[in-house]
C-alpha atoms as a PDB file:
ATOM      1  CA  MET A   1      83.858  64.896 101.405  1.00  0.00           C
ATOM      2  CA  ASN A   2      82.143  68.606 100.544  1.00  0.00           C
ATOM      3  CA  HIS A   3      80.885  70.196 103.136  1.00  0.00           C
ATOM      4  CA  THR A   4      79.707  73.401 101.052  1.00  0.00           C
ATOM      5  CA  LYS A   5      76.314  74.969 102.826  1.00  0.00           C
ATOM      6  CA  ALA A   6      73.446  74.065 101.129  1.00  0.00           C
ATOM      7  CA  TYR A   7      71.211  77.217 100.300  1.00  0.00           C
ATOM      8  CA  THR A   8      67.038  77.775  99.527  1.00  0.00           C
ATOM      9  CA  LEU A   9      66.559  79.502  96.892  1.00  0.00           C
ATOM     10  CA  ASP A  10      65.268  81.899  99.429  1.00  0.00           C
ATOM     11  CA  GLU A  11      68.208  82.145 101.476  1.00  0.00           C
ATOM     12  CA  ALA A  12      70.694  82.672  98.331  1.00  0.00           C
ATOM     13  CA  THR A  13      68.111  84.999  96.954  1.00  0.00           C
ATOM     14  CA  LYS A  14      68.858  87.105 100.311  1.00  0.00           C
ATOM     15  CA  LYS A  15      72.045  86.613 100.266  1.00  0.00           C
ATOM     16  CA  MET A  16      72.164  88.068  96.361  1.00  0.00           C
ATOM     17  CA  GLU A  17      70.552  90.623  97.464  1.00  0.00           C
ATOM     18  CA  SER A  18      73.233  92.175  99.744  1.00  0.00           C
ATOM     19  CA  TYR A  19      75.491  90.608  97.682  1.00  0.00           C
ATOM     20  CA  CYS A  20      74.389  93.475  95.267  1.00  0.00           C
ATOM     21  CA  ALA A  21      73.097  95.879  97.288  1.00  0.00           C
ATOM     22  CA  TYR A  22      76.616  96.351  99.347  1.00  0.00           C
ATOM     23  CA  GLN A  23      78.887  97.300  95.786  1.00  0.00           C
ATOM     24  CA  GLU A  24      77.106  97.224  92.196  1.00  0.00           C
ATOM     25  CA  ARG A  25      77.925  94.194  90.543  1.00  0.00           C
ATOM     26  CA  CYS A  26      77.987  92.669  86.876  1.00  0.00           C
ATOM     27  CA  HIS A  27      75.469  89.408  85.723  1.00  0.00           C
ATOM     28  CA  LYS A  28      79.024  87.851  85.187  1.00  0.00           C
ATOM     29  CA  GLU A  29      79.670  88.182  88.661  1.00  0.00           C
ATOM     30  CA  VAL A  30      76.283  87.304  90.377  1.00  0.00           C
ATOM     31  CA  MET A  31      76.143  84.009  87.727  1.00  0.00           C
ATOM     32  CA  GLU A  32      79.700  82.969  89.469  1.00  0.00           C
ATOM     33  CA  LYS A  33      78.546  83.562  93.443  1.00  0.00           C
ATOM     34  CA  LEU A  34      76.063  81.432  92.783  1.00  0.00           C
ATOM     35  CA  LYS A  35      77.238  78.731  90.995  1.00  0.00           C
ATOM     36  CA  GLY A  36      80.195  79.112  93.682  1.00  0.00           C
ATOM     37  CA  MET A  37      76.758  78.447  95.945  1.00  0.00           C
ATOM     38  CA  ASN A  38      76.431  75.002  93.958  1.00  0.00           C
ATOM     39  CA  MET A  39      72.758  76.737  93.051  1.00  0.00           C
ATOM     40  CA  ILE A  40      70.984  75.212  90.034  1.00  0.00           C
ATOM     41  CA  PRO A  41      70.870  76.575  86.416  1.00  0.00           C
ATOM     42  CA  VAL A  42      66.717  77.134  87.083  1.00  0.00           C
ATOM     43  CA  ALA A  43      67.816  78.335  91.084  1.00  0.00           C
ATOM     44  CA  ILE A  44      70.449  80.638  89.381  1.00  0.00           C
ATOM     45  CA  ASP A  45      68.481  81.970  86.364  1.00  0.00           C
ATOM     46  CA  GLN A  46      64.966  82.724  88.545  1.00  0.00           C
ATOM     47  CA  ILE A  47      67.514  84.885  90.962  1.00  0.00           C
ATOM     48  CA  MET A  48      68.840  86.599  88.515  1.00  0.00           C
ATOM     49  CA  GLY A  49      64.971  87.115  86.930  1.00  0.00           C
ATOM     50  CA  HIS A  50      64.055  88.558  90.804  1.00  0.00           C
ATOM     51  CA  LEU A  51      67.626  90.738  91.411  1.00  0.00           C
ATOM     52  CA  ILE A  52      67.050  92.503  87.762  1.00  0.00           C
ATOM     53  CA  GLN A  53      63.490  92.464  87.998  1.00  0.00           C
ATOM     54  CA  GLU A  54      64.005  94.358  91.275  1.00  0.00           C
ATOM     55  CA  ASN A  55      66.992  96.486  90.440  1.00  0.00           C
ATOM     56  CA  TYR A  56      69.680  95.159  92.735  1.00  0.00           C
ATOM     57  CA  LEU A  57      71.313  94.006  89.273  1.00  0.00           C
ATOM     58  CA  ASN A  58      71.707  96.402  86.465  1.00  0.00           C
ATOM     59  CA  GLU A  59      74.428  96.506  84.085  1.00  0.00           C
ATOM     60  CA  GLU A  60      74.315  99.984  82.685  1.00  0.00           C
ATOM     61  CA  ARG A  61      74.388 100.948  86.644  1.00  0.00           C
ATOM     62  CA  PHE A  62      77.421  98.692  86.879  1.00  0.00           C
ATOM     63  CA  ALA A  63      79.531  99.766  84.035  1.00  0.00           C
ATOM     64  CA  LYS A  64      78.779 103.446  85.236  1.00  0.00           C
ATOM     65  CA  ALA A  65      80.011 103.345  88.338  1.00  0.00           C
ATOM     66  CA  PHE A  66      82.769 101.319  87.904  1.00  0.00           C
ATOM     67  CA  ALA A  67      83.962 103.350  84.506  1.00  0.00           C
ATOM     68  CA  ARG A  68      83.480 106.393  87.594  1.00  0.00           C
ATOM     69  CA  GLY A  69      85.354 104.566  89.820  1.00  0.00           C
ATOM     70  CA  LYS A  70      88.416 104.134  88.003  1.00  0.00           C
ATOM     71  CA  PHE A  71      88.928 107.002  86.106  1.00  0.00           C
ATOM     72  CA  ASN A  72      88.308 108.388  89.258  1.00  0.00           C
ATOM     73  CA  ILE A  73      90.540 107.066  91.789  1.00  0.00           C
ATOM     74  CA  LYS A  74      92.292 104.141  89.394  1.00  0.00           C
ATOM     75  CA  LYS A  75      93.335 107.407  86.874  1.00  0.00           C
ATOM     76  CA  TRP A  76      92.278 104.694  84.667  1.00  0.00           C
ATOM     77  CA  GLY A  77      91.873 105.392  81.007  1.00  0.00           C
ATOM     78  CA  ALA A  78      89.080 104.798  78.213  1.00  0.00           C
ATOM     79  CA  ASN A  79      90.778 102.132  76.325  1.00  0.00           C
ATOM     80  CA  ARG A  80      91.876 100.087  79.865  1.00  0.00           C
ATOM     81  CA  ILE A  81      88.158 100.195  81.385  1.00  0.00           C
ATOM     82  CA  VAL A  82      86.655  99.656  77.761  1.00  0.00           C
ATOM     83  CA  ARG A  83      89.137  96.224  78.575  1.00  0.00           C
ATOM     84  CA  GLU A  84      87.873  95.908  81.744  1.00  0.00           C
ATOM     85  CA  LEU A  85      84.011  95.794  81.075  1.00  0.00           C
ATOM     86  CA  LYS A  86      84.266  93.298  77.749  1.00  0.00           C
ATOM     87  CA  PHE A  87      85.961  91.184  80.034  1.00  0.00           C
ATOM     88  CA  ARG A  88      83.167  91.403  82.382  1.00  0.00           C
ATOM     89  CA  GLU A  89      80.752  91.049  79.310  1.00  0.00           C
ATOM     90  CA  ILE A  90      79.346  94.060  78.878  1.00  0.00           C
ATOM     91  CA  SER A  91      77.667  95.035  76.121  1.00  0.00           C
ATOM     92  CA  LEU A  92      78.673  97.604  73.928  1.00  0.00           C
ATOM     93  CA  TYR A  93      75.555 100.063  74.193  1.00  0.00           C
ATOM     94  CA  ASN A  94      76.852 100.001  78.124  1.00  0.00           C
ATOM     95  CA  ILE A  95      80.065 100.448  77.554  1.00  0.00           C
ATOM     96  CA  LYS A  96      79.206 103.432  75.591  1.00  0.00           C
ATOM     97  CA  SER A  97      76.823 104.678  77.723  1.00  0.00           C
ATOM     98  CA  ALA A  98      79.806 104.158  80.927  1.00  0.00           C
ATOM     99  CA  LEU A  99      82.338 106.124  79.062  1.00  0.00           C
ATOM    100  CA  ALA A 100      79.524 109.420  78.376  1.00  0.00           C
ATOM    101  CA  GLU A 101      79.834 109.589  82.136  1.00  0.00           C
ATOM    102  CA  ILE A 102      83.373 111.185  82.061  1.00  0.00           C
ATOM    103  CA  GLN A 103      83.519 114.911  80.737  1.00  0.00           C
ATOM    104  CA  ASN A 104      86.557 114.848  78.114  1.00  0.00           C
ATOM    105  CA  GLU A 105      87.444 118.109  80.083  1.00  0.00           C
ATOM    106  CA  ASP A 106      87.877 115.885  82.767  1.00  0.00           C
ATOM    107  CA  TYR A 107      89.344 113.671  81.100  1.00  0.00           C
ATOM    108  CA  LEU A 108      92.035 115.446  80.073  1.00  0.00           C
ATOM    109  CA  LYS A 109      93.003 117.613  82.404  1.00  0.00           C
ATOM    110  CA  THR A 110      93.603 113.741  84.546  1.00  0.00           C
ATOM    111  CA  PHE A 111      95.705 112.400  82.405  1.00  0.00           C
ATOM    112  CA  ASP A 112      97.292 115.701  81.844  1.00  0.00           C
ATOM    113  CA  GLU A 113      98.148 115.277  85.761  1.00  0.00           C
ATOM    114  CA  LEU A 114      98.857 112.076  85.830  1.00  0.00           C
ATOM    115  CA  ALA A 115     101.332 112.157  83.504  1.00  0.00           C
ATOM    116  CA  LYS A 116     103.214 115.181  85.305  1.00  0.00           C
ATOM    117  CA  LYS A 117     102.495 113.530  88.035  1.00  0.00           C
ATOM    118  CA  ARG A 118     104.661 110.251  86.956  1.00  0.00           C
ATOM    119  CA  LEU A 119     107.619 112.001  85.193  1.00  0.00           C
ATOM    120  CA  ASP A 120     108.708 113.723  88.347  1.00  0.00           C
ATOM    121  CA  GLN A 121     108.567 110.063  90.030  1.00  0.00           C
ATOM    122  CA  ILE A 122     110.902 109.139  86.824  1.00  0.00           C
ATOM    123  CA  THR A 123     114.666 108.971  87.999  1.00  0.00           C
ATOM    124  CA  GLU A 124     115.877 107.823  84.209  1.00  0.00           C
ATOM    125  CA  LYS A 125     118.183 110.766  83.094  1.00  0.00           C
ATOM    126  CA  ASN A 126     118.462 109.542  79.602  1.00  0.00           C
ATOM    127  CA  PRO A 127     115.252 111.116  77.571  1.00  0.00           C
ATOM    128  CA  LEU A 128     114.628 108.508  75.571  1.00  0.00           C
ATOM    129  CA  LYS A 129     114.603 106.206  78.245  1.00  0.00           C
ATOM    130  CA  LYS A 130     112.558 108.585  80.131  1.00  0.00           C
ATOM    131  CA  LYS A 131     110.350 109.069  77.441  1.00  0.00           C
ATOM    132  CA  LYS A 132     109.121 104.600  76.849  1.00  0.00           C
ATOM    133  CA  LYS A 133     109.034 105.005  81.508  1.00  0.00           C
ATOM    134  CA  LEU A 134     106.227 107.450  80.569  1.00  0.00           C
ATOM    135  CA  ALA A 135     104.701 105.876  77.698  1.00  0.00           C
ATOM    136  CA  ASP A 136     104.981 102.364  79.023  1.00  0.00           C
ATOM    137  CA  TYR A 137     103.127 103.555  82.116  1.00  0.00           C
ATOM    138  CA  LEU A 138     100.096 106.031  80.935  1.00  0.00           C
ATOM    139  CA  LEU A 139      99.301 103.166  77.637  1.00  0.00           C
ATOM    140  CA  TYR A 140      99.280 100.580  80.466  1.00  0.00           C
ATOM    141  CA  ARG A 141      97.018 102.881  82.617  1.00  0.00           C
ATOM    142  CA  GLY A 142      94.451 102.310  79.073  1.00  0.00           C
ATOM    143  CA  TRP A 143      95.606 106.081  77.771  1.00  0.00           C
ATOM    144  CA  GLU A 144      94.920 106.443  74.311  1.00  0.00           C
ATOM    145  CA  SER A 145      98.578 106.195  72.094  1.00  0.00           C
ATOM    146  CA  HIS A 146      98.139 109.128  70.495  1.00  0.00           C
ATOM    147  CA  LEU A 147      97.449 110.998  73.877  1.00  0.00           C
ATOM    148  CA  VAL A 148     100.429 109.611  74.561  1.00  0.00           C
ATOM    149  CA  TYR A 149     102.825 109.976  72.251  1.00  0.00           C
ATOM    150  CA  GLU A 150     101.253 113.594  72.401  1.00  0.00           C
ATOM    151  CA  LYS A 151     101.875 114.650  75.607  1.00  0.00           C
ATOM    152  CA  VAL A 152     105.271 112.668  76.250  1.00  0.00           C
ATOM    153  CA  SER A 153     106.600 115.054  73.640  1.00  0.00           C
ATOM    154  CA  GLU A 154     104.901 118.041  75.140  1.00  0.00           C
ATOM    155  CA  LEU A 155     107.237 117.044  78.787  1.00  0.00           C
ATOM    156  CA  ILE A 156     109.931 115.822  77.683  1.00  0.00           C
ATOM    157  CA  LYS A 157     112.286 117.669  75.199  1.00  0.00           C
END
């Protein structure tokens, strides 16, 4: 027997307001949360409309906060940020707007620091293997390949 709590429209709305107020959310997350609460499509539409209208939910604001956070905290490059935002079904317009939050100067400085820090942690002695390890690490974090290969050649002779 399924003992999932049944929510009234009002309860579900209040719950989603707090969910969105706690941290920026994307539409996809909120939709999934509402489906998980067994809300019917018409109720989901109504709640989503309310959250957007009352500015609890704002996809552009979410995208900007997401990009800033992943860049500043996780040191992700643009490719990884874009991939993760697309996965969350964020529009191209909002993705562009999110990337514009990151200053080019900060972007390159962070990239340089990350590459040097990672290089210090690599114990590999063989220069080719060392280059591959550093490149793989930076590419995985979503830094553009032209930047990665340039940096790897500059740091490992």
